[in-house]
Amino acid sequence: MSDELHLTLEGRPVTLGVRRSRRARRMRLVVEAARGGAVLVLPAGAGERDGRRFVAEHAPWLLRRLAELPQPVPFRDGAVVPYRGVDHVVRHAGSARGPIERGVVWRHGGAIHVAGRDEHLARRIRDWFRHEARNVLGPLAETKAAVLGERPARVTVRDQRTRWGSCSAKGALSFNWRLVMAPDAAIDYVVAHEVAHLVELNHSPSFWRIVDRLTAHREDGRSWLKAHGDGLHRYGAVHRYGTVLAAT
């Protein structure tokens, strides 16, 4: 069985991801905002026919949940995307260039300007966001770690589907590049949370005391991410998955 399942539900074409799990005891449908679609989880022994029957039985629920997912916002001219909680309009600058130190993508006047050919625009904005995330999150993590007398083994930026950040047992910090789209309070909270794990690799009362020492935005940051975090995954959608475009 392939890793995708193509079906027609109530007259609508739907493509689902398929994930086999040895630990699963029953079939499940998981709607994932980060993927912009749904995944069918199959336990050992379940075949494609079983999966199709299961999906068909839950078609109304699945279609309703997919329709509730945030609408995708591809990186293209005229798109409105957030940077540190502030909406910016994407402007294709064509052959025009910004300040030499800014390169082919620069932020000015409430817009993110992108020079070069149109077919490179999406990739260049994505690369710019990753670069900005490293510039914002890396120094912030280093500063907060110094408060604790610690130093991260390294700080990297990735494209996690389900996490905003992580801390390994060896002290390596990793952050989702989309976090730089969130307001500063949410950014500050996530960085404080992961830096606190350099001292406490748990969520004990001691851990939360460290978090509160590192940020004044614990509640505001958590609340914002809970209400709006999933929506950040819709920015930069480039291909179809499920019934909507998925961010990649």
C-alpha atoms as a PDB file:
ATOM      1  CA  MET A   1       0.000   0.000   0.000  1.00  0.00           C
ATOM      2  CA  SER A   2       1.355   3.465  -0.916  1.00  0.00           C
ATOM      3  CA  ASP A   3       1.746   6.381   1.484  1.00  0.00           C
ATOM      4  CA  GLU A   4      -1.245   8.156  -0.086  1.00  0.00           C
ATOM      5  CA  LEU A   5      -4.864   7.165  -0.566  1.00  0.00           C
ATOM      6  CA  HIS A   6      -6.965   8.741  -3.321  1.00  0.00           C
ATOM      7  CA  LEU A   7     -10.752   8.608  -2.943  1.00  0.00           C
ATOM      8  CA  THR A   8     -13.966  10.411  -3.781  1.00  0.00           C
ATOM      9  CA  LEU A   9     -16.111  11.420  -0.800  1.00  0.00           C
ATOM     10  CA  GLU A  10     -19.557  12.900  -1.394  1.00  0.00           C
ATOM     11  CA  GLY A  11     -18.511  13.760  -4.930  1.00  0.00           C
ATOM     12  CA  ARG A  12     -15.249  15.441  -3.893  1.00  0.00           C
ATOM     13  CA  PRO A  13     -11.749  14.122  -4.657  1.00  0.00           C
ATOM     14  CA  VAL A  14      -9.709  13.682  -1.477  1.00  0.00           C
ATOM     15  CA  THR A  15      -6.116  12.561  -1.012  1.00  0.00           C
ATOM     16  CA  LEU A  16      -5.100  11.298   2.408  1.00  0.00           C
ATOM     17  CA  GLY A  17      -1.704  10.475   3.781  1.00  0.00           C
ATOM     18  CA  VAL A  18      -1.297   6.915   5.033  1.00  0.00           C
ATOM     19  CA  ARG A  19       0.766   6.051   8.087  1.00  0.00           C
ATOM     20  CA  ARG A  20       1.299   2.489   9.275  1.00  0.00           C
ATOM     21  CA  SER A  21       1.776   2.019  12.995  1.00  0.00           C
ATOM     22  CA  ARG A  22       2.749  -1.159  14.802  1.00  0.00           C
ATOM     23  CA  ARG A  23       1.507   0.348  18.067  1.00  0.00           C
ATOM     24  CA  ALA A  24      -1.917   1.351  16.763  1.00  0.00           C
ATOM     25  CA  ARG A  25      -4.731  -0.963  17.831  1.00  0.00           C
ATOM     26  CA  ARG A  26      -7.352   0.513  15.540  1.00  0.00           C
ATOM     27  CA  MET A  27      -7.668   2.698  12.475  1.00  0.00           C
ATOM     28  CA  ARG A  28      -7.696   6.446  13.036  1.00  0.00           C
ATOM     29  CA  LEU A  29      -8.115   9.602  10.987  1.00  0.00           C
ATOM     30  CA  VAL A  30      -5.899  12.466  12.092  1.00  0.00           C
ATOM     31  CA  VAL A  31      -6.511  15.951  10.682  1.00  0.00           C
ATOM     32  CA  GLU A  32      -3.252  17.881  10.788  1.00  0.00           C
ATOM     33  CA  ALA A  33      -3.181  21.634  10.336  1.00  0.00           C
ATOM     34  CA  ALA A  34       0.569  21.506   9.751  1.00  0.00           C
ATOM     35  CA  ARG A  35       0.012  19.301   6.707  1.00  0.00           C
ATOM     36  CA  GLY A  36      -3.154  21.004   5.581  1.00  0.00           C
ATOM     37  CA  GLY A  37      -4.921  17.660   5.356  1.00  0.00           C
ATOM     38  CA  ALA A  38      -5.570  14.339   7.014  1.00  0.00           C
ATOM     39  CA  VAL A  39      -3.682  11.121   7.644  1.00  0.00           C
ATOM     40  CA  LEU A  40      -5.138   7.629   7.914  1.00  0.00           C
ATOM     41  CA  VAL A  41      -3.360   5.627  10.600  1.00  0.00           C
ATOM     42  CA  LEU A  42      -3.453   1.882   9.936  1.00  0.00           C
ATOM     43  CA  PRO A  43      -2.533  -0.800  12.460  1.00  0.00           C
ATOM     44  CA  ALA A  44      -0.664  -3.934  11.430  1.00  0.00           C
ATOM     45  CA  GLY A  45      -2.855  -6.241   9.415  1.00  0.00           C
ATOM     46  CA  ALA A  46      -5.179  -3.554   8.021  1.00  0.00           C
ATOM     47  CA  GLY A  47      -5.225  -3.285   4.248  1.00  0.00           C
ATOM     48  CA  GLU A  48      -6.218  -0.647   1.703  1.00  0.00           C
ATOM     49  CA  ARG A  49      -9.762  -1.974   1.398  1.00  0.00           C
ATOM     50  CA  ASP A  50     -10.190  -1.728   5.179  1.00  0.00           C
ATOM     51  CA  GLY A  51      -8.858   1.803   5.121  1.00  0.00           C
ATOM     52  CA  ARG A  52     -11.161   2.910   2.318  1.00  0.00           C
ATOM     53  CA  ARG A  53     -14.174   1.471   4.100  1.00  0.00           C
ATOM     54  CA  PHE A  54     -13.213   3.203   7.347  1.00  0.00           C
ATOM     55  CA  VAL A  55     -12.754   6.587   5.645  1.00  0.00           C
ATOM     56  CA  ALA A  56     -16.078   6.267   3.805  1.00  0.00           C
ATOM     57  CA  GLU A  57     -17.863   5.594   7.098  1.00  0.00           C
ATOM     58  CA  HIS A  58     -16.444   8.811   8.548  1.00  0.00           C
ATOM     59  CA  ALA A  59     -16.706  10.940   5.404  1.00  0.00           C
ATOM     60  CA  PRO A  60     -19.062  13.641   6.806  1.00  0.00           C
ATOM     61  CA  TRP A  61     -16.834  14.192   9.846  1.00  0.00           C
ATOM     62  CA  LEU A  62     -13.671  14.222   7.750  1.00  0.00           C
ATOM     63  CA  LEU A  63     -14.973  16.671   5.156  1.00  0.00           C
ATOM     64  CA  ARG A  64     -16.253  18.974   7.881  1.00  0.00           C
ATOM     65  CA  ARG A  65     -12.906  18.983   9.674  1.00  0.00           C
ATOM     66  CA  LEU A  66     -10.971  19.581   6.456  1.00  0.00           C
ATOM     67  CA  ALA A  67     -13.246  22.512   5.623  1.00  0.00           C
ATOM     68  CA  GLU A  68     -12.457  24.014   9.030  1.00  0.00           C
ATOM     69  CA  LEU A  69      -8.709  24.077   8.394  1.00  0.00           C
ATOM     70  CA  PRO A  70      -7.179  27.549   7.892  1.00  0.00           C
ATOM     71  CA  GLN A  71      -7.125  28.615   4.250  1.00  0.00           C
ATOM     72  CA  PRO A  72      -3.644  28.380   2.722  1.00  0.00           C
ATOM     73  CA  VAL A  73      -1.625  31.476   1.871  1.00  0.00           C
ATOM     74  CA  PRO A  74       1.010  30.682  -0.786  1.00  0.00           C
ATOM     75  CA  PHE A  75       4.101  32.871  -0.921  1.00  0.00           C
ATOM     76  CA  ARG A  76       3.357  35.034  -3.937  1.00  0.00           C
ATOM     77  CA  ASP A  77       3.004  38.673  -4.953  1.00  0.00           C
ATOM     78  CA  GLY A  78       0.214  40.362  -3.007  1.00  0.00           C
ATOM     79  CA  ALA A  79       0.031  37.752  -0.231  1.00  0.00           C
ATOM     80  CA  VAL A  80      -0.250  39.040   3.319  1.00  0.00           C
ATOM     81  CA  VAL A  81       2.071  37.231   5.726  1.00  0.00           C
ATOM     82  CA  PRO A  82       3.021  37.998   9.339  1.00  0.00           C
ATOM     83  CA  TYR A  83       6.495  38.827  10.581  1.00  0.00           C
ATOM     84  CA  ARG A  84       6.858  39.027  14.376  1.00  0.00           C
ATOM     85  CA  GLY A  85       3.102  39.412  14.653  1.00  0.00           C
ATOM     86  CA  VAL A  86       2.776  42.235  12.128  1.00  0.00           C
ATOM     87  CA  ASP A  87       1.159  41.640   8.737  1.00  0.00           C
ATOM     88  CA  HIS A  88       3.310  42.434   5.695  1.00  0.00           C
ATOM     89  CA  VAL A  89       2.383  42.439   2.013  1.00  0.00           C
ATOM     90  CA  VAL A  90       4.621  40.460  -0.329  1.00  0.00           C
ATOM     91  CA  ARG A  91       5.799  42.654  -3.210  1.00  0.00           C
ATOM     92  CA  HIS A  92       7.569  41.257  -6.255  1.00  0.00           C
ATOM     93  CA  ALA A  93      10.240  43.831  -7.080  1.00  0.00           C
ATOM     94  CA  GLY A  94      11.243  42.292 -10.405  1.00  0.00           C
ATOM     95  CA  SER A  95      14.779  43.348 -11.333  1.00  0.00           C
ATOM     96  CA  ALA A  96      14.840  46.108  -8.717  1.00  0.00           C
ATOM     97  CA  ARG A  97      17.162  45.578  -5.772  1.00  0.00           C
ATOM     98  CA  GLY A  98      16.974  46.781  -2.207  1.00  0.00           C
ATOM     99  CA  PRO A  99      19.882  47.980  -0.059  1.00  0.00           C
ATOM    100  CA  ILE A 100      22.968  45.965  -0.964  1.00  0.00           C
ATOM    101  CA  GLU A 101      23.291  44.580   2.551  1.00  0.00           C
ATOM    102  CA  ARG A 102      19.736  43.190   2.411  1.00  0.00           C
ATOM    103  CA  GLY A 103      20.201  40.950  -0.641  1.00  0.00           C
ATOM    104  CA  VAL A 104      17.268  39.931  -2.839  1.00  0.00           C
ATOM    105  CA  VAL A 105      14.659  40.048  -0.046  1.00  0.00           C
ATOM    106  CA  TRP A 106      14.159  43.007   2.249  1.00  0.00           C
ATOM    107  CA  ARG A 107      11.509  44.410   4.570  1.00  0.00           C
ATOM    108  CA  HIS A 108      10.442  48.031   4.196  1.00  0.00           C
ATOM    109  CA  GLY A 109       7.297  50.106   4.580  1.00  0.00           C
ATOM    110  CA  GLY A 110       5.056  47.280   5.759  1.00  0.00           C
ATOM    111  CA  ALA A 111       6.061  45.018   2.882  1.00  0.00           C
ATOM    112  CA  ILE A 112       8.461  42.184   2.162  1.00  0.00           C
ATOM    113  CA  HIS A 113      10.085  42.944  -1.190  1.00  0.00           C
ATOM    114  CA  VAL A 114      11.484  40.151  -3.340  1.00  0.00           C
ATOM    115  CA  ALA A 115      13.741  40.760  -6.326  1.00  0.00           C
ATOM    116  CA  GLY A 116      14.386  38.375  -9.186  1.00  0.00           C
ATOM    117  CA  ARG A 117      12.264  36.132 -11.342  1.00  0.00           C
ATOM    118  CA  ASP A 118       8.729  35.346 -10.231  1.00  0.00           C
ATOM    119  CA  GLU A 119       9.277  31.584 -10.141  1.00  0.00           C
ATOM    120  CA  HIS A 120      11.945  32.088  -7.448  1.00  0.00           C
ATOM    121  CA  LEU A 121       9.784  34.278  -5.216  1.00  0.00           C
ATOM    122  CA  ALA A 122       8.336  31.560  -2.957  1.00  0.00           C
ATOM    123  CA  ARG A 123      11.700  29.918  -2.324  1.00  0.00           C
ATOM    124  CA  ARG A 124      13.382  33.229  -1.614  1.00  0.00           C
ATOM    125  CA  ILE A 125      10.746  34.295   0.920  1.00  0.00           C
ATOM    126  CA  ARG A 126      10.980  30.918   2.610  1.00  0.00           C
ATOM    127  CA  ASP A 127      14.769  31.216   2.777  1.00  0.00           C
ATOM    128  CA  TRP A 128      14.411  34.768   4.117  1.00  0.00           C
ATOM    129  CA  PHE A 129      12.096  33.649   6.899  1.00  0.00           C
ATOM    130  CA  ARG A 130      14.525  30.905   7.882  1.00  0.00           C
ATOM    131  CA  HIS A 131      17.375  33.423   7.917  1.00  0.00           C
ATOM    132  CA  GLU A 132      15.334  35.840  10.040  1.00  0.00           C
ATOM    133  CA  ALA A 133      14.396  33.025  12.415  1.00  0.00           C
ATOM    134  CA  ARG A 134      18.062  32.177  12.958  1.00  0.00           C
ATOM    135  CA  ASN A 135      18.913  35.846  13.531  1.00  0.00           C
ATOM    136  CA  VAL A 136      16.073  36.359  16.013  1.00  0.00           C
ATOM    137  CA  LEU A 137      15.878  33.047  17.864  1.00  0.00           C
ATOM    138  CA  GLY A 138      19.564  32.195  18.089  1.00  0.00           C
ATOM    139  CA  PRO A 139      20.755  35.338  19.938  1.00  0.00           C
ATOM    140  CA  LEU A 140      17.638  35.332  22.137  1.00  0.00           C
ATOM    141  CA  ALA A 141      18.322  31.739  23.179  1.00  0.00           C
ATOM    142  CA  GLU A 142      21.977  32.527  23.903  1.00  0.00           C
ATOM    143  CA  THR A 143      21.010  35.532  26.017  1.00  0.00           C
ATOM    144  CA  LYS A 144      18.445  33.630  28.063  1.00  0.00           C
ATOM    145  CA  ALA A 145      20.812  30.689  28.538  1.00  0.00           C
ATOM    146  CA  ALA A 146      23.479  33.050  29.891  1.00  0.00           C
ATOM    147  CA  VAL A 147      21.046  34.149  32.606  1.00  0.00           C
ATOM    148  CA  LEU A 148      21.121  30.549  33.835  1.00  0.00           C
ATOM    149  CA  GLY A 149      24.861  30.192  33.396  1.00  0.00           C
ATOM    150  CA  GLU A 150      24.255  27.792  30.529  1.00  0.00           C
ATOM    151  CA  ARG A 151      25.125  27.673  26.849  1.00  0.00           C
ATOM    152  CA  PRO A 152      23.248  25.669  24.195  1.00  0.00           C
ATOM    153  CA  ALA A 153      25.288  23.020  22.408  1.00  0.00           C
ATOM    154  CA  ARG A 154      23.843  24.506  19.229  1.00  0.00           C
ATOM    155  CA  VAL A 155      20.750  26.347  18.020  1.00  0.00           C
ATOM    156  CA  THR A 156      19.125  25.253  14.767  1.00  0.00           C
ATOM    157  CA  VAL A 157      16.024  26.222  12.806  1.00  0.00           C
ATOM    158  CA  ARG A 158      13.857  23.480  11.318  1.00  0.00           C
ATOM    159  CA  ASP A 159      10.388  22.889   9.859  1.00  0.00           C
ATOM    160  CA  GLN A 160       8.765  20.800  12.586  1.00  0.00           C
ATOM    161  CA  ARG A 161       5.172  19.764  11.986  1.00  0.00           C
ATOM    162  CA  THR A 162       4.061  19.489  15.588  1.00  0.00           C
ATOM    163  CA  ARG A 163       6.526  21.466  17.714  1.00  0.00           C
ATOM    164  CA  TRP A 164       7.583  25.081  18.059  1.00  0.00           C
ATOM    165  CA  GLY A 165      10.813  24.112  19.719  1.00  0.00           C
ATOM    166  CA  SER A 166      12.752  21.296  21.335  1.00  0.00           C
ATOM    167  CA  CYS A 167      15.777  20.688  23.551  1.00  0.00           C
ATOM    168  CA  SER A 168      17.813  17.508  23.338  1.00  0.00           C
ATOM    169  CA  ALA A 169      19.416  15.733  26.278  1.00  0.00           C
ATOM    170  CA  LYS A 170      22.758  17.071  25.023  1.00  0.00           C
ATOM    171  CA  GLY A 171      21.578  20.680  25.149  1.00  0.00           C
ATOM    172  CA  ALA A 172      20.888  21.261  21.452  1.00  0.00           C
ATOM    173  CA  LEU A 173      17.998  23.651  20.849  1.00  0.00           C
ATOM    174  CA  SER A 174      15.818  23.538  17.753  1.00  0.00           C
ATOM    175  CA  PHE A 175      13.069  25.955  16.749  1.00  0.00           C
ATOM    176  CA  ASN A 176      10.393  25.990  14.081  1.00  0.00           C
ATOM    177  CA  TRP A 177      11.212  28.736  11.572  1.00  0.00           C
ATOM    178  CA  ARG A 178       7.546  29.755  11.434  1.00  0.00           C
ATOM    179  CA  LEU A 179       7.836  30.946  15.020  1.00  0.00           C
ATOM    180  CA  VAL A 180       9.343  34.184  13.694  1.00  0.00           C
ATOM    181  CA  MET A 181       5.912  34.951  12.240  1.00  0.00           C
ATOM    182  CA  ALA A 182       4.388  35.036  15.726  1.00  0.00           C
ATOM    183  CA  PRO A 183       4.216  38.073  18.043  1.00  0.00           C
ATOM    184  CA  ASP A 184       7.249  38.752  20.207  1.00  0.00           C
ATOM    185  CA  ALA A 185       5.455  37.533  23.353  1.00  0.00           C
ATOM    186  CA  ALA A 186       4.981  34.080  21.806  1.00  0.00           C
ATOM    187  CA  ILE A 187       8.568  34.021  20.530  1.00  0.00           C
ATOM    188  CA  ASP A 188       9.904  34.988  23.941  1.00  0.00           C
ATOM    189  CA  TYR A 189       7.854  32.311  25.678  1.00  0.00           C
ATOM    190  CA  VAL A 190       8.896  29.466  23.366  1.00  0.00           C
ATOM    191  CA  VAL A 191      12.576  30.375  23.578  1.00  0.00           C
ATOM    192  CA  ALA A 192      12.359  30.646  27.375  1.00  0.00           C
ATOM    193  CA  HIS A 193      10.592  27.280  27.516  1.00  0.00           C
ATOM    194  CA  GLU A 194      13.297  25.476  25.551  1.00  0.00           C
ATOM    195  CA  VAL A 195      16.177  27.232  27.300  1.00  0.00           C
ATOM    196  CA  ALA A 196      14.703  26.232  30.662  1.00  0.00           C
ATOM    197  CA  HIS A 197      15.046  22.613  29.518  1.00  0.00           C
ATOM    198  CA  LEU A 198      18.820  23.080  29.553  1.00  0.00           C
ATOM    199  CA  VAL A 199      18.456  22.894  33.327  1.00  0.00           C
ATOM    200  CA  GLU A 200      15.273  20.860  33.783  1.00  0.00           C
ATOM    201  CA  LEU A 201      14.400  18.244  31.154  1.00  0.00           C
ATOM    202  CA  ASN A 202      10.862  17.961  32.493  1.00  0.00           C
ATOM    203  CA  HIS A 203       7.818  20.098  33.259  1.00  0.00           C
ATOM    204  CA  SER A 204       8.107  20.112  37.015  1.00  0.00           C
ATOM    205  CA  PRO A 205       7.253  23.127  39.208  1.00  0.00           C
ATOM    206  CA  SER A 206      10.968  23.894  39.234  1.00  0.00           C
ATOM    207  CA  PHE A 207      10.973  24.010  35.436  1.00  0.00           C
ATOM    208  CA  TRP A 208       8.087  26.482  35.311  1.00  0.00           C
ATOM    209  CA  ARG A 209       9.807  28.700  37.886  1.00  0.00           C
ATOM    210  CA  ILE A 210      12.785  28.869  35.538  1.00  0.00           C
ATOM    211  CA  VAL A 211      10.522  29.722  32.611  1.00  0.00           C
ATOM    212  CA  ASP A 212       8.979  32.562  34.612  1.00  0.00           C
ATOM    213  CA  ARG A 213      12.460  33.788  35.456  1.00  0.00           C
ATOM    214  CA  LEU A 214      13.326  33.941  31.761  1.00  0.00           C
ATOM    215  CA  THR A 215      10.128  35.519  30.426  1.00  0.00           C
ATOM    216  CA  ALA A 216       7.231  37.667  31.553  1.00  0.00           C
ATOM    217  CA  HIS A 217       5.124  36.354  28.681  1.00  0.00           C
ATOM    218  CA  ARG A 218       4.378  32.761  29.662  1.00  0.00           C
ATOM    219  CA  GLU A 219       0.604  33.095  29.758  1.00  0.00           C
ATOM    220  CA  ASP A 220       0.294  35.517  26.836  1.00  0.00           C
ATOM    221  CA  GLY A 221       2.637  33.444  24.694  1.00  0.00           C
ATOM    222  CA  ARG A 222       0.920  30.133  25.447  1.00  0.00           C
ATOM    223  CA  SER A 223      -2.521  31.611  24.892  1.00  0.00           C
ATOM    224  CA  TRP A 224      -1.561  33.109  21.533  1.00  0.00           C
ATOM    225  CA  LEU A 225      -0.029  29.877  20.271  1.00  0.00           C
ATOM    226  CA  LYS A 226      -3.006  27.846  21.411  1.00  0.00           C
ATOM    227  CA  ALA A 227      -5.421  30.154  19.592  1.00  0.00           C
ATOM    228  CA  HIS A 228      -3.396  31.034  16.494  1.00  0.00           C
ATOM    229  CA  GLY A 229      -0.346  28.778  16.255  1.00  0.00           C
ATOM    230  CA  ASP A 230      -1.848  26.223  13.871  1.00  0.00           C
ATOM    231  CA  GLY A 231      -2.694  29.032  11.474  1.00  0.00           C
ATOM    232  CA  LEU A 232       0.984  29.793  10.898  1.00  0.00           C
ATOM    233  CA  HIS A 233       1.347  26.515   9.010  1.00  0.00           C
ATOM    234  CA  ARG A 234      -0.863  27.784   6.196  1.00  0.00           C
ATOM    235  CA  TYR A 235       1.741  30.294   5.015  1.00  0.00           C
ATOM    236  CA  GLY A 236       3.876  29.120   2.119  1.00  0.00           C
ATOM    237  CA  ALA A 237       1.507  26.441   0.796  1.00  0.00           C
ATOM    238  CA  VAL A 238       2.755  25.047  -2.481  1.00  0.00           C
ATOM    239  CA  HIS A 239       1.134  21.659  -3.195  1.00  0.00           C
ATOM    240  CA  ARG A 240      -2.073  19.760  -2.699  1.00  0.00           C
ATOM    241  CA  TYR A 241      -2.550  17.330   0.152  1.00  0.00           C
ATOM    242  CA  GLY A 242      -5.939  16.314   1.442  1.00  0.00           C
ATOM    243  CA  THR A 243      -8.513  18.783   0.144  1.00  0.00           C
ATOM    244  CA  VAL A 244      -6.473  21.927   0.702  1.00  0.00           C
ATOM    245  CA  LEU A 245      -2.977  23.154  -0.071  1.00  0.00           C
ATOM    246  CA  ALA A 246      -0.391  22.005   2.432  1.00  0.00           C
ATOM    247  CA  ALA A 247       2.493  24.037   3.784  1.00  0.00           C
ATOM    248  CA  THR A 248       5.856  22.498   2.947  1.00  0.00           C
END
